[in-house]
Protein backbone atom coordinates (compact mmCIF):
# COMPACT_ATOMS: atom_id res chain seq x y z
CA MET A 1 -0.85 3.71 -38.64
CA THR A 2 2.39 2.41 -40.04
CA THR A 3 5.79 3.97 -39.65
CA PRO A 4 7.83 4.15 -42.85
CA VAL A 5 10.96 2.03 -42.91
CA LEU A 6 13.78 3.30 -45.07
CA GLU A 7 15.21 0.54 -47.17
CA GLN A 8 18.86 0.65 -48.05
CA PRO A 9 21.03 -2.08 -49.54
CA THR A 10 22.36 -3.01 -46.09
CA GLN A 11 19.01 -2.42 -44.32
CA ARG A 12 20.71 -0.14 -41.78
CA VAL A 13 17.61 1.82 -40.81
CA ILE A 14 15.22 -0.23 -38.72
CA ILE A 15 12.53 1.32 -36.59
CA VAL A 16 11.68 -0.44 -33.33
CA THR A 17 8.80 0.96 -31.31
CA ARG A 18 6.40 -0.18 -28.64
CA THR A 19 3.72 -0.63 -31.29
CA GLY A 20 5.30 -3.88 -32.40
CA GLN A 21 7.30 -2.81 -35.45
CA GLY A 22 9.52 -5.67 -36.47
CA ILE A 23 13.21 -6.00 -37.15
CA THR A 24 14.04 -7.33 -40.60
CA ALA A 25 17.26 -9.31 -40.96
CA PHE A 26 18.19 -12.15 -43.29
CA GLY A 27 14.84 -11.75 -45.06
CA GLN A 28 12.80 -12.39 -41.90
CA THR A 29 10.83 -9.86 -39.87
CA MET A 30 10.41 -10.61 -36.18
CA SER A 31 9.91 -8.68 -32.96
CA LEU A 32 12.85 -7.63 -30.81
CA ARG A 33 11.93 -10.31 -28.28
CA ALA A 34 11.70 -13.00 -30.97
CA TRP A 35 15.13 -12.09 -32.33
CA ALA A 36 16.53 -12.19 -28.79
CA LEU A 37 15.10 -15.66 -28.19
CA THR A 38 16.28 -16.90 -31.60
CA SER A 39 19.80 -15.48 -31.36
CA GLY A 40 20.44 -15.85 -27.64
CA ILE A 41 21.39 -12.17 -27.44
CA ALA A 42 19.73 -9.98 -24.80
CA PRO A 43 16.99 -7.67 -26.14
CA ALA A 44 18.77 -4.65 -24.63
CA THR A 45 21.95 -5.54 -26.53
CA ILE A 46 20.12 -5.83 -29.85
CA TYR A 47 18.28 -2.56 -29.18
CA LYS A 48 21.52 -0.71 -28.36
CA ARG A 49 23.22 -2.06 -31.46
CA LEU A 50 20.35 -0.85 -33.66
CA LYS A 51 20.36 2.57 -31.97
CA GLN A 52 24.10 2.80 -32.70
CA GLY A 53 23.33 2.30 -36.40
CA LEU A 54 24.55 -1.24 -36.89
CA PRO A 55 22.88 -3.24 -39.66
CA ALA A 56 20.10 -5.52 -38.42
CA GLU A 57 22.01 -8.61 -39.54
CA VAL A 58 24.95 -7.65 -37.33
CA ALA A 59 22.77 -6.58 -34.42
CA VAL A 60 21.07 -9.98 -34.18
CA SER A 61 24.01 -12.23 -35.02
CA ALA A 62 27.32 -10.77 -33.82
CA PRO A 63 28.67 -12.52 -30.74
CA VAL A 64 28.45 -10.68 -27.46
CA ARG A 65 31.84 -9.47 -26.26
CA GLY A 66 32.79 -10.97 -22.92
CA GLU A 67 29.98 -13.52 -23.06
CA ARG A 68 29.79 -15.60 -19.90
CA VAL A 69 29.72 -19.36 -20.16
CA ARG A 70 27.40 -21.00 -17.65
């Protein structure tokens, strides 16, 4: 069973579920974990950004505020 994904010019509506639905940004569809590993942003941060309605491109690429340097 597939969940419909609403496509808008900015791809604002992305559905992320436990069934493995992907996040599409920059023409690529990957899992939340894969985007986190690729971008270096925590999965929880990406998830919260998407829940707040940010476009997928911003959610997976915007720098994290107050990022700690190790």
